[in-house]
C-alpha cells in the first residue's frame, strides 16, 4: 500500500505543509517512488514512524535530534535520549515558572501604581525584602549608576538570581542631607529569595515616607525636595538611605516624561 502526501497527512491528522517540511529537513521522507509516474509515496508502515516523530516533537526534541534518533534507533539510545530530554524539559519548566513569577510580580506592581498621584507624599508600612547590591563607581552619577545596573544584571543572569527585573538605586543619608540627590551609592535588584554573598542586603521592614516621581530620573530632585519638606514638617529624620524603585520605565514607555519612580525613605517607627 502506498499513500500520497495528502493521503498521509489526512490519515495522520497533520497538514501537507508539515510533511513537506519534514521531507525537506530529512526527518520523515516518502519511502518509495512509483515506477509508472515517478511520484514519491509513503508506505503503510511509515504511519507508526510518523507517530514517533510527532511524539518526539511533542516532548520538545528538535528536528535535528529527531533525525539523528530515527537514523540510529535502539533501546539504549532511546533511553539516553529520553533521560537527556527529561532534564532539559525540567530545566525549561523551572525557567517558565520563574518567568511566570516575574510576570505576575510586574503586573501586580504596575496595577498597584495605576491610581498613584505623583508628587504627593504618603506614609506606608513596607515589608522587608532582599536586594542584590552593586556599588556605584565615581563620580557616582546617572551614567555610573546605569553601568552599575548593567553589571548587576549580568551577575544576576550568570548566577541565576531569583529576581523580577525591577531595578533601583540608593542615595545615602549623607547625600540626602546635602541635597545631592543624583549622587548614588548602590544599584540594586529586588530578589524573590536570599542569595549567598555579601552583596545580598536585607532592606528592613518598617515605616517609610514615599513619593512617586513622574518624569526623567535627572529631575528626581524636585520630588526629593517635596518629600524632605514633608518629613521636616512632621519633625522626622531619615533613618537610612533613600531607595528609588523604577516602576514605569523604558519597558513601558518610550517617553522619559512618563517614567514613574517610587522613592522610599525609612523613618523611625
Protein backbone atom coordinates (compact mmCIF):
# COMPACT_ATOMS: atom_id res chain seq x y z
CA UNK A 1 0.00 0.00 0.00
CA UNK A 2 1.18 3.50 -0.78
CA UNK A 3 -0.07 6.98 0.05
CA UNK A 4 0.39 10.44 -1.40
CA UNK A 5 1.44 13.27 0.84
CA UNK A 6 -2.17 14.43 1.02
CA UNK A 7 -3.44 10.97 1.97
CA UNK A 8 -0.74 10.52 4.61
CA UNK A 9 -1.47 13.95 6.05
CA UNK A 10 -5.19 13.18 6.27
CA UNK A 11 -4.66 9.80 7.98
CA UNK A 12 -2.15 11.24 10.45
CA UNK A 13 -4.17 14.38 11.17
CA UNK A 14 -1.40 16.77 10.16
CA UNK A 15 -1.01 19.30 7.36
CA UNK A 16 0.56 18.63 3.98
CA UNK A 17 2.88 21.55 4.63
CA UNK A 18 4.21 19.84 7.76
CA UNK A 19 5.01 16.64 5.87
CA UNK A 20 6.66 18.58 3.07
CA UNK A 21 8.74 20.45 5.66
CA UNK A 22 9.77 17.20 7.38
CA UNK A 23 10.69 15.82 3.96
CA UNK A 24 12.87 18.84 3.15
CA UNK A 25 14.54 18.59 6.57
CA UNK A 26 15.31 14.86 6.03
CA UNK A 27 13.28 13.93 9.10
CA UNK A 28 10.45 11.94 7.50
CA UNK A 29 10.61 11.20 3.78
CA UNK A 30 8.44 9.18 1.37
CA UNK A 31 9.86 5.68 1.13
CA UNK A 32 9.04 4.61 -2.41
CA UNK A 33 8.84 6.02 -5.93
CA UNK A 34 6.14 4.94 -8.36
CA UNK A 35 7.61 3.26 -11.44
CA UNK A 36 4.76 4.43 -13.63
CA UNK A 37 4.88 8.14 -12.80
CA UNK A 38 7.98 8.88 -10.73
CA UNK A 39 5.87 10.21 -7.84
CA UNK A 40 7.10 9.54 -4.33
CA UNK A 41 4.80 7.74 -1.88
CA UNK A 42 4.64 6.91 1.79
CA UNK A 43 4.11 3.31 2.85
CA UNK A 44 1.73 1.89 5.45
CA UNK A 45 4.46 1.07 7.99
CA UNK A 46 5.54 4.72 7.96
CA UNK A 47 2.38 5.70 9.82
CA UNK A 48 3.91 4.34 13.02
CA UNK A 49 7.19 6.14 12.31
CA UNK A 50 5.32 9.40 11.82
CA UNK A 51 3.63 8.87 15.19
CA UNK A 52 7.10 8.55 16.74
CA UNK A 53 8.26 11.78 15.09
CA UNK A 54 5.18 13.64 16.30
CA UNK A 55 5.54 12.32 19.85
CA UNK A 56 9.21 13.32 19.97
CA UNK A 57 8.28 16.80 18.75
CA UNK A 58 5.63 16.98 21.46
CA UNK A 59 8.30 16.11 24.04
CA UNK A 60 10.44 19.00 22.83
CA UNK A 61 13.02 17.26 20.66
CA UNK A 62 14.45 19.39 17.86
CA UNK A 63 14.18 18.18 14.26
CA UNK A 64 17.93 17.62 14.22
CA UNK A 65 17.69 15.40 17.31
CA UNK A 66 14.72 13.52 15.86
CA UNK A 67 16.57 12.88 12.59
CA UNK A 68 19.59 11.56 14.48
CA UNK A 69 17.38 9.35 16.65
CA UNK A 70 15.44 7.92 13.69
CA UNK A 71 18.69 7.05 11.94
CA UNK A 72 20.22 5.29 14.97
CA UNK A 73 17.26 3.85 16.81
CA UNK A 74 18.00 1.34 19.57
CA UNK A 75 16.69 0.73 23.06
CA UNK A 76 19.82 2.08 24.84
CA UNK A 77 19.98 5.13 22.58
CA UNK A 78 16.28 5.82 23.11
CA UNK A 79 16.66 5.64 26.89
CA UNK A 80 19.62 8.02 26.85
CA UNK A 81 17.76 10.43 24.59
CA UNK A 82 14.67 10.42 26.80
CA UNK A 83 16.66 10.90 30.00
CA UNK A 84 18.55 13.83 28.48
CA UNK A 85 15.35 15.37 27.17
CA UNK A 86 13.65 15.00 30.56
CA UNK A 87 16.47 17.00 32.16
CA UNK A 88 16.09 19.72 29.52
CA UNK A 89 12.30 19.80 29.95
CA UNK A 90 12.58 20.12 33.72
CA UNK A 91 15.09 22.95 33.30
CA UNK A 92 12.70 24.67 30.91
CA UNK A 93 9.83 24.20 33.36
CA UNK A 94 11.87 25.92 36.07
CA UNK A 95 12.66 28.76 33.66
CA UNK A 96 8.99 29.16 32.74
CA UNK A 97 7.94 29.06 36.40
CA UNK A 98 10.41 31.86 37.12
CA UNK A 99 9.14 33.80 34.11
CA UNK A 100 5.59 33.39 35.44
CA UNK A 101 6.61 34.71 38.87
CA UNK A 102 8.34 37.68 37.25
CA UNK A 103 5.38 38.45 35.01
CA UNK A 104 2.97 38.17 37.94
CA UNK A 105 5.11 40.49 40.07
CA UNK A 106 5.43 43.04 37.24
CA UNK A 107 1.69 43.04 36.61
CA UNK A 108 0.90 43.39 40.32
CA UNK A 109 3.36 46.29 40.59
CA UNK A 110 2.00 48.12 37.56
CA UNK A 111 -1.61 47.61 38.63
CA UNK A 112 -0.73 48.86 42.13
CA UNK A 113 0.63 52.16 40.85
CA UNK A 114 -2.16 52.91 38.36
CA UNK A 115 -4.00 55.13 40.90
CA UNK A 116 -0.75 56.73 42.09
CA UNK A 117 -0.66 60.50 42.45
CA UNK A 118 2.86 61.72 41.58
CA UNK A 119 4.22 64.49 43.75
CA UNK A 120 2.04 63.61 46.76
CA UNK A 121 3.98 62.33 49.84
CA UNK A 122 2.47 59.47 51.80
CA UNK A 123 3.32 57.04 54.59
CA UNK A 124 3.45 53.30 54.01
CA UNK A 125 4.42 50.24 56.01
CA UNK A 126 6.79 48.24 53.83
CA UNK A 127 7.63 44.56 54.14
CA UNK A 128 11.28 43.62 54.32
CA UNK A 129 12.96 42.28 51.20
CA UNK A 130 16.31 41.10 49.94
CA UNK A 131 18.21 43.27 47.48
CA UNK A 132 21.22 42.33 45.38
CA UNK A 133 23.60 45.30 45.50
CA UNK A 134 26.22 46.65 43.12
CA UNK A 135 28.38 49.63 44.22
CA UNK A 136 28.26 52.72 42.02
CA UNK A 137 31.70 53.94 40.98
CA UNK A 138 32.97 57.51 40.97
CA UNK A 139 31.73 60.12 40.24
CA UNK A 140 28.51 58.33 41.34
CA UNK A 141 26.21 59.97 38.76
CA UNK A 142 23.48 58.80 36.39
CA UNK A 143 25.90 57.21 33.92
CA UNK A 144 27.73 55.37 36.69
CA UNK A 145 24.52 54.03 38.24
CA UNK A 146 23.38 52.83 34.80
CA UNK A 147 26.67 50.98 34.34
CA UNK A 148 26.32 49.51 37.83
CA UNK A 149 22.84 48.23 36.93
CA UNK A 150 24.24 46.55 33.82
CA UNK A 151 26.96 44.84 35.87
CA UNK A 152 24.34 43.73 38.35
CA UNK A 153 22.07 42.29 35.67
CA UNK A 154 24.97 40.34 34.16
CA UNK A 155 25.86 38.92 37.56
CA UNK A 156 22.22 38.06 38.27
CA UNK A 157 21.96 36.23 34.95
CA UNK A 158 25.24 34.35 35.40
CA UNK A 159 24.41 33.26 38.95
CA UNK A 160 20.71 32.62 38.37
CA UNK A 161 19.30 35.11 40.88
CA UNK A 162 15.57 34.79 41.56
CA UNK A 163 14.67 38.35 40.68
CA UNK A 164 11.80 40.03 38.88
CA UNK A 165 13.78 42.61 36.90
CA UNK A 166 12.72 45.66 38.86
CA UNK A 167 15.74 47.93 39.02
CA UNK A 168 16.61 50.57 41.55
CA UNK A 169 19.31 52.54 43.32
CA UNK A 170 20.07 54.09 46.69
CA UNK A 171 21.04 57.58 47.81
CA UNK A 172 22.83 57.52 51.16
CA UNK A 173 21.63 59.59 54.14
CA UNK A 174 24.59 61.97 53.93
CA UNK A 175 23.80 62.81 50.31
CA UNK A 176 20.16 63.34 51.23
CA UNK A 177 21.19 65.82 53.90
CA UNK A 178 23.45 67.62 51.44
CA UNK A 179 20.72 67.52 48.76
CA UNK A 180 22.96 65.61 46.37
CA UNK A 181 20.07 63.57 45.04
CA UNK A 182 21.87 62.41 41.87
CA UNK A 183 24.86 61.04 43.77
CA UNK A 184 24.17 57.33 44.11
CA UNK A 185 25.61 54.72 46.44
CA UNK A 186 24.33 51.39 45.09
CA UNK A 187 22.32 49.94 42.25
CA UNK A 188 20.00 47.17 43.39
CA UNK A 189 17.83 44.36 42.14
CA UNK A 190 14.98 43.12 44.39
CA UNK A 191 15.14 39.37 44.95
CA UNK A 192 12.42 36.79 45.42
CA UNK A 193 14.67 34.87 47.80
CA UNK A 194 18.02 35.27 49.52
CA UNK A 195 21.23 34.54 47.62
CA UNK A 196 24.60 33.82 49.23
CA UNK A 197 27.24 36.50 49.36
CA UNK A 198 28.00 39.85 50.94
CA UNK A 199 26.21 41.72 48.16
CA UNK A 200 22.81 40.44 49.31
CA UNK A 201 21.26 43.09 51.55
CA UNK A 202 18.11 42.92 53.69
CA UNK A 203 16.03 46.05 53.25
CA UNK A 204 14.28 46.28 56.62
CA UNK A 205 10.55 46.29 57.11
CA UNK A 206 9.02 49.35 58.68
CA UNK A 207 7.56 52.77 58.13
CA UNK A 208 8.63 54.64 55.00
CA UNK A 209 7.91 58.11 53.70
CA UNK A 210 7.19 57.69 50.00
CA UNK A 211 6.54 59.72 46.89
CA UNK A 212 6.07 58.87 43.21
CA UNK A 213 8.18 60.90 40.84
CA UNK A 214 6.82 61.37 37.32
CA UNK A 215 9.43 62.24 34.69
CA UNK A 216 13.12 61.73 33.85
CA UNK A 217 15.46 60.42 36.52
CA UNK A 218 17.51 63.61 36.25
CA UNK A 219 14.55 65.56 37.68
CA UNK A 220 14.01 63.50 40.85
CA UNK A 221 15.41 66.34 42.94
CA UNK A 222 12.03 68.10 42.75
CA UNK A 223 10.30 65.13 44.35
CA UNK A 224 13.05 64.73 46.94
CA UNK A 225 12.58 68.36 47.99
CA UNK A 226 8.85 67.79 48.47
CA UNK A 227 9.41 64.58 50.43
CA UNK A 228 12.10 66.05 52.70
CA UNK A 229 9.94 69.11 53.40
CA UNK A 230 7.14 66.71 54.32
CA UNK A 231 9.44 64.93 56.79
CA UNK A 232 10.62 68.22 58.27
CA UNK A 233 7.05 69.35 58.83
CA UNK A 234 6.42 66.08 60.68
CA UNK A 235 9.57 66.54 62.76
CA UNK A 236 11.01 63.29 61.39
CA UNK A 237 14.52 62.49 60.19
CA UNK A 238 15.54 59.84 57.62
CA UNK A 239 16.59 56.62 59.34
CA UNK A 240 18.50 55.25 56.36
CA UNK A 241 19.22 55.71 52.66
CA UNK A 242 16.58 56.54 50.10
CA UNK A 243 15.52 53.70 47.82
CA UNK A 244 14.48 54.52 44.26
CA UNK A 245 12.40 51.84 42.56
CA UNK A 246 11.93 52.13 38.79
CA UNK A 247 8.25 51.32 38.38
CA UNK A 248 7.39 52.55 34.90
CA UNK A 249 10.50 52.79 32.75
CA UNK A 250 11.70 52.15 29.20
CA UNK A 251 9.88 48.81 29.20
CA UNK A 252 6.54 50.60 29.40
CA UNK A 253 7.10 53.88 27.57
CA UNK A 254 9.45 55.50 25.06
CA UNK A 255 8.94 58.90 26.72
CA UNK A 256 11.11 59.70 29.80
CA UNK A 257 8.43 62.25 30.76
CA UNK A 258 6.16 59.27 31.54
CA UNK A 259 8.64 57.37 33.73
CA UNK A 260 7.42 56.67 37.25
CA UNK A 261 9.87 56.20 40.10
CA UNK A 262 8.90 55.37 43.67
CA UNK A 263 11.17 57.00 46.25
CA UNK A 264 11.15 55.46 49.73
CA UNK A 265 12.90 56.89 52.80
CA UNK A 266 12.82 54.84 56.02
CA UNK A 267 11.96 56.62 59.25
CA UNK A 268 11.94 55.63 62.90
CA UNK A 269 8.69 53.98 63.98
